[in-house]
């Protein structure tokens, strides 16, 4: 059976390490091809209320970057065939040193980095450090970018680009129209494969996007399911798996 490729987003350690691991297993069972794991951060500029709240809850447990990397390592050891991308913000990567951070991430099994607030052409050495450690840097393109800047990113030779399907924050519903598809075309015109996300929550959206992207990206929808079912592990697992299937089945 044909399927739509899915990159699913998880907040490391949310709401507990055990439940986050349960959710990761359910996502993979439901058909997720890639896991995008976010390190909790106190001021996430691109995230909507669901993910912001999740980050806050995890940080209240004194969760650290090292804990997030240990969580990724655990998932990688259990599912070595599933690529894990680390999503975070510049502060967490820059503070310990970009190269140092990338080395640690790669040792934990990370295959790619998504750092939305590090511009692709002023990335503090992130692309180079990723390459040195066998990873890829995946820059983020937004519809608010100027045509010139978008062209520059699209032709900069990145293997993959993450296309935010609208301006603003994650989690609110995204209407996919001809403008969206035109934007995706521009992002991919230099040969980069495109991951498309922001506000993807149902199979109908996924089907419309499928032919224009390498994989769809869904995050807040899973965070909300985890939040709603955190007191019932079985239901959490079943609900996450069912949503992943809905998003991946053609």
C-alpha atoms as a PDB file:
ATOM      1  CA  UNK A   1       0.000   0.000   0.000  1.00  0.00           C
ATOM      2  CA  UNK A   2       1.220   3.464  -0.841  1.00  0.00           C
ATOM      3  CA  UNK A   3       1.685   5.835   2.054  1.00  0.00           C
ATOM      4  CA  UNK A   4       2.449   9.465   2.723  1.00  0.00           C
ATOM      5  CA  UNK A   5       5.787  10.003   4.438  1.00  0.00           C
ATOM      6  CA  UNK A   6       5.436  11.515   7.905  1.00  0.00           C
ATOM      7  CA  UNK A   7       7.868  13.396  10.097  1.00  0.00           C
ATOM      8  CA  UNK A   8       6.280  13.495  13.526  1.00  0.00           C
ATOM      9  CA  UNK A   9       7.276  15.954  16.203  1.00  0.00           C
ATOM     10  CA  UNK A  10       7.702  15.080  19.883  1.00  0.00           C
ATOM     11  CA  UNK A  11       8.809  17.166  22.862  1.00  0.00           C
ATOM     12  CA  UNK A  12      11.515  15.182  24.675  1.00  0.00           C
ATOM     13  CA  UNK A  13      10.359  14.048  28.105  1.00  0.00           C
ATOM     14  CA  UNK A  14       6.724  15.192  27.733  1.00  0.00           C
ATOM     15  CA  UNK A  15       4.791  14.631  29.890  1.00  0.00           C
ATOM     16  CA  UNK A  16       7.159  12.044  31.397  1.00  0.00           C
ATOM     17  CA  UNK A  17      10.033  10.092  29.878  1.00  0.00           C
ATOM     18  CA  UNK A  18       7.949   6.905  29.981  1.00  0.00           C
ATOM     19  CA  UNK A  19       4.952   8.466  28.239  1.00  0.00           C
ATOM     20  CA  UNK A  20       7.140  10.239  25.678  1.00  0.00           C
ATOM     21  CA  UNK A  21       8.756   6.897  24.845  1.00  0.00           C
ATOM     22  CA  UNK A  22       5.304   5.284  24.611  1.00  0.00           C
ATOM     23  CA  UNK A  23       4.255   8.025  22.179  1.00  0.00           C
ATOM     24  CA  UNK A  24       7.414   7.557  20.065  1.00  0.00           C
ATOM     25  CA  UNK A  25       6.735   3.817  19.780  1.00  0.00           C
ATOM     26  CA  UNK A  26       3.118   4.490  18.805  1.00  0.00           C
ATOM     27  CA  UNK A  27       4.156   7.030  16.159  1.00  0.00           C
ATOM     28  CA  UNK A  28       6.528   4.548  14.548  1.00  0.00           C
ATOM     29  CA  UNK A  29       3.937   1.762  14.736  1.00  0.00           C
ATOM     30  CA  UNK A  30       1.443   4.127  13.093  1.00  0.00           C
ATOM     31  CA  UNK A  31       3.767   4.779  10.165  1.00  0.00           C
ATOM     32  CA  UNK A  32       6.004   7.729  11.081  1.00  0.00           C
ATOM     33  CA  UNK A  33       9.135   7.666   8.918  1.00  0.00           C
ATOM     34  CA  UNK A  34      11.130  10.319  10.803  1.00  0.00           C
ATOM     35  CA  UNK A  35      10.992  11.557  14.399  1.00  0.00           C
ATOM     36  CA  UNK A  36      11.615  15.261  14.986  1.00  0.00           C
ATOM     37  CA  UNK A  37      12.442  15.515  18.684  1.00  0.00           C
ATOM     38  CA  UNK A  38      12.391  18.939  20.299  1.00  0.00           C
ATOM     39  CA  UNK A  39      14.559  19.840  23.248  1.00  0.00           C
ATOM     40  CA  UNK A  40      12.326  21.758  25.688  1.00  0.00           C
ATOM     41  CA  UNK A  41      13.113  25.459  25.666  1.00  0.00           C
ATOM     42  CA  UNK A  42      11.769  28.342  27.747  1.00  0.00           C
ATOM     43  CA  UNK A  43      11.131  30.845  24.922  1.00  0.00           C
ATOM     44  CA  UNK A  44      10.211  28.912  21.777  1.00  0.00           C
ATOM     45  CA  UNK A  45       9.564  31.587  19.140  1.00  0.00           C
ATOM     46  CA  UNK A  46       7.964  29.330  16.512  1.00  0.00           C
ATOM     47  CA  UNK A  47       5.766  27.174  18.751  1.00  0.00           C
ATOM     48  CA  UNK A  48       2.093  27.539  19.542  1.00  0.00           C
ATOM     49  CA  UNK A  49       0.368  27.003  22.904  1.00  0.00           C
ATOM     50  CA  UNK A  50       0.345  23.186  22.833  1.00  0.00           C
ATOM     51  CA  UNK A  51       4.106  22.842  22.366  1.00  0.00           C
ATOM     52  CA  UNK A  52       4.958  25.856  24.559  1.00  0.00           C
ATOM     53  CA  UNK A  53       2.937  24.361  27.418  1.00  0.00           C
ATOM     54  CA  UNK A  54       4.584  20.971  26.928  1.00  0.00           C
ATOM     55  CA  UNK A  55       8.048  22.567  27.050  1.00  0.00           C
ATOM     56  CA  UNK A  56       7.150  24.462  30.231  1.00  0.00           C
ATOM     57  CA  UNK A  57       5.880  21.301  31.953  1.00  0.00           C
ATOM     58  CA  UNK A  58       9.070  19.394  31.152  1.00  0.00           C
ATOM     59  CA  UNK A  59      11.336  22.265  32.229  1.00  0.00           C
ATOM     60  CA  UNK A  60       9.508  22.409  35.574  1.00  0.00           C
ATOM     61  CA  UNK A  61      11.111  19.012  36.280  1.00  0.00           C
ATOM     62  CA  UNK A  62      14.571  20.609  35.881  1.00  0.00           C
ATOM     63  CA  UNK A  63      14.952  18.778  32.584  1.00  0.00           C
ATOM     64  CA  UNK A  64      18.241  19.583  30.890  1.00  0.00           C
ATOM     65  CA  UNK A  65      19.717  19.318  27.404  1.00  0.00           C
ATOM     66  CA  UNK A  66      21.613  16.215  28.554  1.00  0.00           C
ATOM     67  CA  UNK A  67      18.285  14.592  29.498  1.00  0.00           C
ATOM     68  CA  UNK A  68      16.882  15.333  26.058  1.00  0.00           C
ATOM     69  CA  UNK A  69      19.931  13.853  24.351  1.00  0.00           C
ATOM     70  CA  UNK A  70      19.678  10.753  26.568  1.00  0.00           C
ATOM     71  CA  UNK A  71      16.018  10.407  25.507  1.00  0.00           C
ATOM     72  CA  UNK A  72      17.038  10.606  21.827  1.00  0.00           C
ATOM     73  CA  UNK A  73      19.779   8.028  22.400  1.00  0.00           C
ATOM     74  CA  UNK A  74      17.237   5.650  23.935  1.00  0.00           C
ATOM     75  CA  UNK A  75      14.907   5.982  20.938  1.00  0.00           C
ATOM     76  CA  UNK A  76      17.778   5.582  18.481  1.00  0.00           C
ATOM     77  CA  UNK A  77      18.986   2.414  20.206  1.00  0.00           C
ATOM     78  CA  UNK A  78      15.458   0.940  20.042  1.00  0.00           C
ATOM     79  CA  UNK A  79      14.718   2.097  16.471  1.00  0.00           C
ATOM     80  CA  UNK A  80      18.092   2.521  14.718  1.00  0.00           C
ATOM     81  CA  UNK A  81      16.411   2.455  11.297  1.00  0.00           C
ATOM     82  CA  UNK A  82      14.267   5.555  12.032  1.00  0.00           C
ATOM     83  CA  UNK A  83      16.042   8.879  11.351  1.00  0.00           C
ATOM     84  CA  UNK A  84      15.888  11.252  14.314  1.00  0.00           C
ATOM     85  CA  UNK A  85      16.117  14.993  13.733  1.00  0.00           C
ATOM     86  CA  UNK A  86      16.801  17.261  16.685  1.00  0.00           C
ATOM     87  CA  UNK A  87      14.740  20.453  16.782  1.00  0.00           C
ATOM     88  CA  UNK A  88      15.820  23.236  19.091  1.00  0.00           C
ATOM     89  CA  UNK A  89      16.635  26.923  19.282  1.00  0.00           C
ATOM     90  CA  UNK A  90      19.934  28.707  18.745  1.00  0.00           C
ATOM     91  CA  UNK A  91      20.601  29.415  22.421  1.00  0.00           C
ATOM     92  CA  UNK A  92      20.814  25.727  23.384  1.00  0.00           C
ATOM     93  CA  UNK A  93      23.140  24.975  20.476  1.00  0.00           C
ATOM     94  CA  UNK A  94      25.312  28.087  20.597  1.00  0.00           C
ATOM     95  CA  UNK A  95      25.910  28.263  24.374  1.00  0.00           C
ATOM     96  CA  UNK A  96      27.922  25.010  24.705  1.00  0.00           C
ATOM     97  CA  UNK A  97      29.592  25.655  21.325  1.00  0.00           C
ATOM     98  CA  UNK A  98      28.036  24.656  18.015  1.00  0.00           C
ATOM     99  CA  UNK A  99      30.631  22.039  17.134  1.00  0.00           C
ATOM    100  CA  UNK A 100      30.600  20.573  20.641  1.00  0.00           C
ATOM    101  CA  UNK A 101      26.796  20.363  20.591  1.00  0.00           C
ATOM    102  CA  UNK A 102      26.731  18.736  17.154  1.00  0.00           C
ATOM    103  CA  UNK A 103      29.299  16.137  18.196  1.00  0.00           C
ATOM    104  CA  UNK A 104      27.197  15.182  21.237  1.00  0.00           C
ATOM    105  CA  UNK A 105      23.996  15.060  19.190  1.00  0.00           C
ATOM    106  CA  UNK A 106      25.579  12.828  16.550  1.00  0.00           C
ATOM    107  CA  UNK A 107      26.867  10.467  19.243  1.00  0.00           C
ATOM    108  CA  UNK A 108      23.268  10.050  20.423  1.00  0.00           C
ATOM    109  CA  UNK A 109      22.080   9.058  16.945  1.00  0.00           C
ATOM    110  CA  UNK A 110      20.818  12.394  15.605  1.00  0.00           C
ATOM    111  CA  UNK A 111      20.815  12.525  11.783  1.00  0.00           C
ATOM    112  CA  UNK A 112      19.762  16.146  11.255  1.00  0.00           C
ATOM    113  CA  UNK A 113      19.319  19.485  13.004  1.00  0.00           C
ATOM    114  CA  UNK A 114      16.363  21.873  12.709  1.00  0.00           C
ATOM    115  CA  UNK A 115      17.149  25.198  14.381  1.00  0.00           C
ATOM    116  CA  UNK A 116      14.512  27.729  13.187  1.00  0.00           C
ATOM    117  CA  UNK A 117      16.169  30.856  14.606  1.00  0.00           C
ATOM    118  CA  UNK A 118      19.602  30.250  13.047  1.00  0.00           C
ATOM    119  CA  UNK A 119      19.437  31.823   9.545  1.00  0.00           C
ATOM    120  CA  UNK A 120      20.733  29.533   6.809  1.00  0.00           C
ATOM    121  CA  UNK A 121      23.390  32.049   5.693  1.00  0.00           C
ATOM    122  CA  UNK A 122      24.497  33.144   9.196  1.00  0.00           C
ATOM    123  CA  UNK A 123      24.270  29.852  11.039  1.00  0.00           C
ATOM    124  CA  UNK A 124      27.277  30.176  13.372  1.00  0.00           C
ATOM    125  CA  UNK A 125      28.942  27.222  11.632  1.00  0.00           C
ATOM    126  CA  UNK A 126      26.001  24.823  12.106  1.00  0.00           C
ATOM    127  CA  UNK A 127      25.956  23.438   8.544  1.00  0.00           C
ATOM    128  CA  UNK A 128      29.687  22.778   8.636  1.00  0.00           C
ATOM    129  CA  UNK A 129      29.552  21.205  12.112  1.00  0.00           C
ATOM    130  CA  UNK A 130      26.669  18.961  11.023  1.00  0.00           C
ATOM    131  CA  UNK A 131      28.594  17.827   7.945  1.00  0.00           C
ATOM    132  CA  UNK A 132      31.695  17.119  10.038  1.00  0.00           C
ATOM    133  CA  UNK A 133      29.633  14.877  12.335  1.00  0.00           C
ATOM    134  CA  UNK A 134      27.672  12.989   9.677  1.00  0.00           C
ATOM    135  CA  UNK A 135      24.471  14.997  10.059  1.00  0.00           C
ATOM    136  CA  UNK A 136      22.544  17.473   7.917  1.00  0.00           C
ATOM    137  CA  UNK A 137      21.372  20.979   8.750  1.00  0.00           C
ATOM    138  CA  UNK A 138      17.744  21.497   7.692  1.00  0.00           C
ATOM    139  CA  UNK A 139      16.995  25.227   7.402  1.00  0.00           C
ATOM    140  CA  UNK A 140      13.475  26.590   7.745  1.00  0.00           C
ATOM    141  CA  UNK A 141      11.788  28.483   4.906  1.00  0.00           C
ATOM    142  CA  UNK A 142       8.747  30.676   5.600  1.00  0.00           C
ATOM    143  CA  UNK A 143       6.219  32.293   3.244  1.00  0.00           C
ATOM    144  CA  UNK A 144       7.176  35.681   4.722  1.00  0.00           C
ATOM    145  CA  UNK A 145      10.691  35.471   3.228  1.00  0.00           C
ATOM    146  CA  UNK A 146      11.489  37.794   0.343  1.00  0.00           C
ATOM    147  CA  UNK A 147      11.622  36.196  -3.116  1.00  0.00           C
ATOM    148  CA  UNK A 148      15.348  36.912  -3.300  1.00  0.00           C
ATOM    149  CA  UNK A 149      16.082  35.291   0.033  1.00  0.00           C
ATOM    150  CA  UNK A 150      13.907  32.270  -0.693  1.00  0.00           C
ATOM    151  CA  UNK A 151      15.681  31.819  -4.036  1.00  0.00           C
ATOM    152  CA  UNK A 152      19.047  32.012  -2.286  1.00  0.00           C
ATOM    153  CA  UNK A 153      18.047  29.341   0.251  1.00  0.00           C
ATOM    154  CA  UNK A 154      16.511  27.080  -2.395  1.00  0.00           C
ATOM    155  CA  UNK A 155      19.723  27.185  -4.440  1.00  0.00           C
ATOM    156  CA  UNK A 156      22.185  26.893  -1.530  1.00  0.00           C
ATOM    157  CA  UNK A 157      22.582  23.118  -1.891  1.00  0.00           C
ATOM    158  CA  UNK A 158      20.779  21.914   1.241  1.00  0.00           C
ATOM    159  CA  UNK A 159      19.637  18.274   0.880  1.00  0.00           C
ATOM    160  CA  UNK A 160      16.409  19.116   2.736  1.00  0.00           C
ATOM    161  CA  UNK A 161      14.516  22.280   3.637  1.00  0.00           C
ATOM    162  CA  UNK A 162      11.728  22.528   6.203  1.00  0.00           C
ATOM    163  CA  UNK A 163       8.934  24.648   4.715  1.00  0.00           C
ATOM    164  CA  UNK A 164       6.678  26.338   7.266  1.00  0.00           C
ATOM    165  CA  UNK A 165       3.364  26.398   5.420  1.00  0.00           C
ATOM    166  CA  UNK A 166       2.293  29.747   6.840  1.00  0.00           C
ATOM    167  CA  UNK A 167       3.606  32.591   8.944  1.00  0.00           C
ATOM    168  CA  UNK A 168       3.124  32.686  12.708  1.00  0.00           C
ATOM    169  CA  UNK A 169       3.309  29.840  15.198  1.00  0.00           C
ATOM    170  CA  UNK A 170       2.568  26.133  15.065  1.00  0.00           C
ATOM    171  CA  UNK A 171      -0.650  24.488  16.102  1.00  0.00           C
ATOM    172  CA  UNK A 172      -3.421  26.529  14.500  1.00  0.00           C
ATOM    173  CA  UNK A 173      -5.125  25.039  11.476  1.00  0.00           C
ATOM    174  CA  UNK A 174      -3.490  25.637   8.107  1.00  0.00           C
ATOM    175  CA  UNK A 175      -5.491  26.143   4.932  1.00  0.00           C
ATOM    176  CA  UNK A 176      -3.600  24.636   2.020  1.00  0.00           C
ATOM    177  CA  UNK A 177      -4.331  26.522  -1.182  1.00  0.00           C
ATOM    178  CA  UNK A 178      -2.688  27.382  -4.508  1.00  0.00           C
ATOM    179  CA  UNK A 179      -0.413  29.922  -2.755  1.00  0.00           C
ATOM    180  CA  UNK A 180       0.841  27.181  -0.418  1.00  0.00           C
ATOM    181  CA  UNK A 181       1.631  24.863  -3.306  1.00  0.00           C
ATOM    182  CA  UNK A 182       3.344  27.671  -5.234  1.00  0.00           C
ATOM    183  CA  UNK A 183       5.498  28.423  -2.183  1.00  0.00           C
ATOM    184  CA  UNK A 184       6.503  24.749  -1.923  1.00  0.00           C
ATOM    185  CA  UNK A 185       7.442  24.755  -5.598  1.00  0.00           C
ATOM    186  CA  UNK A 186       9.764  27.722  -5.034  1.00  0.00           C
ATOM    187  CA  UNK A 187      11.370  26.042  -2.008  1.00  0.00           C
ATOM    188  CA  UNK A 188      12.138  22.901  -4.029  1.00  0.00           C
ATOM    189  CA  UNK A 189      13.227  24.521  -7.304  1.00  0.00           C
ATOM    190  CA  UNK A 190      16.934  24.294  -6.459  1.00  0.00           C
ATOM    191  CA  UNK A 191      16.769  20.534  -5.962  1.00  0.00           C
ATOM    192  CA  UNK A 192      16.300  20.364  -2.169  1.00  0.00           C
ATOM    193  CA  UNK A 193      13.732  17.891  -0.893  1.00  0.00           C
ATOM    194  CA  UNK A 194      11.047  19.595   1.180  1.00  0.00           C
ATOM    195  CA  UNK A 195       9.415  18.769   4.495  1.00  0.00           C
ATOM    196  CA  UNK A 196       6.124  20.659   4.835  1.00  0.00           C
ATOM    197  CA  UNK A 197       4.577  21.457   8.207  1.00  0.00           C
ATOM    198  CA  UNK A 198       2.789  23.913  10.545  1.00  0.00           C
ATOM    199  CA  UNK A 199      -0.833  23.217  11.389  1.00  0.00           C
ATOM    200  CA  UNK A 200      -1.136  19.778   9.776  1.00  0.00           C
ATOM    201  CA  UNK A 201      -3.683  17.795  11.748  1.00  0.00           C
ATOM    202  CA  UNK A 202      -5.743  15.613   9.428  1.00  0.00           C
ATOM    203  CA  UNK A 203      -5.524  13.191   6.539  1.00  0.00           C
ATOM    204  CA  UNK A 204      -7.228  15.541   4.108  1.00  0.00           C
ATOM    205  CA  UNK A 205      -4.429  18.123   4.467  1.00  0.00           C
ATOM    206  CA  UNK A 206      -1.820  15.372   4.182  1.00  0.00           C
ATOM    207  CA  UNK A 207      -3.278  14.094   0.899  1.00  0.00           C
ATOM    208  CA  UNK A 208      -3.300  17.589  -0.655  1.00  0.00           C
ATOM    209  CA  UNK A 209       0.360  18.100   0.306  1.00  0.00           C
ATOM    210  CA  UNK A 210       1.653  14.618  -0.484  1.00  0.00           C
ATOM    211  CA  UNK A 211       2.747  15.188  -4.086  1.00  0.00           C
ATOM    212  CA  UNK A 212       4.488  18.504  -3.258  1.00  0.00           C
ATOM    213  CA  UNK A 213       6.707  17.400  -0.358  1.00  0.00           C
ATOM    214  CA  UNK A 214       9.154  14.687   0.624  1.00  0.00           C
ATOM    215  CA  UNK A 215       7.245  14.281   3.901  1.00  0.00           C
ATOM    216  CA  UNK A 216       4.543  16.082   5.813  1.00  0.00           C
ATOM    217  CA  UNK A 217       5.370  17.310   9.318  1.00  0.00           C
ATOM    218  CA  UNK A 218       2.878  17.098  12.187  1.00  0.00           C
ATOM    219  CA  UNK A 219       3.531  18.125  15.772  1.00  0.00           C
ATOM    220  CA  UNK A 220       0.940  20.016  17.789  1.00  0.00           C
ATOM    221  CA  UNK A 221      -1.754  17.494  16.871  1.00  0.00           C
ATOM    222  CA  UNK A 222       0.271  14.742  18.574  1.00  0.00           C
ATOM    223  CA  UNK A 223       1.185  16.919  21.563  1.00  0.00           C
ATOM    224  CA  UNK A 224      -2.528  17.606  22.113  1.00  0.00           C
ATOM    225  CA  UNK A 225      -3.371  13.881  21.932  1.00  0.00           C
ATOM    226  CA  UNK A 226      -0.605  13.117  24.441  1.00  0.00           C
ATOM    227  CA  UNK A 227      -1.864  15.868  26.771  1.00  0.00           C
ATOM    228  CA  UNK A 228      -5.467  14.665  26.595  1.00  0.00           C
ATOM    229  CA  UNK A 229      -4.553  11.028  27.297  1.00  0.00           C
ATOM    230  CA  UNK A 230      -1.612  11.349  29.688  1.00  0.00           C
ATOM    231  CA  UNK A 231      -3.510   9.577  32.486  1.00  0.00           C
ATOM    232  CA  UNK A 232      -4.243   6.517  30.324  1.00  0.00           C
ATOM    233  CA  UNK A 233      -1.142   5.062  28.701  1.00  0.00           C
ATOM    234  CA  UNK A 234      -3.065   2.525  26.619  1.00  0.00           C
ATOM    235  CA  UNK A 235      -5.404   5.157  25.197  1.00  0.00           C
ATOM    236  CA  UNK A 236      -2.489   7.510  24.569  1.00  0.00           C
ATOM    237  CA  UNK A 237      -0.686   4.830  22.582  1.00  0.00           C
ATOM    238  CA  UNK A 238      -3.766   3.848  20.567  1.00  0.00           C
ATOM    239  CA  UNK A 239      -4.770   7.454  19.820  1.00  0.00           C
ATOM    240  CA  UNK A 240      -1.279   8.513  18.704  1.00  0.00           C
ATOM    241  CA  UNK A 241      -0.965   5.440  16.481  1.00  0.00           C
ATOM    242  CA  UNK A 242      -4.421   6.020  14.943  1.00  0.00           C
ATOM    243  CA  UNK A 243      -3.634   9.671  14.125  1.00  0.00           C
ATOM    244  CA  UNK A 244      -0.298   8.695  12.549  1.00  0.00           C
ATOM    245  CA  UNK A 245      -2.128   6.148  10.371  1.00  0.00           C
ATOM    246  CA  UNK A 246      -4.703   8.766   9.352  1.00  0.00           C
ATOM    247  CA  UNK A 247      -1.940  11.146   8.255  1.00  0.00           C
ATOM    248  CA  UNK A 248       0.054   8.549   6.308  1.00  0.00           C
ATOM    249  CA  UNK A 249      -2.598   6.522   4.494  1.00  0.00           C
ATOM    250  CA  UNK A 250      -3.409   7.557   0.922  1.00  0.00           C
END
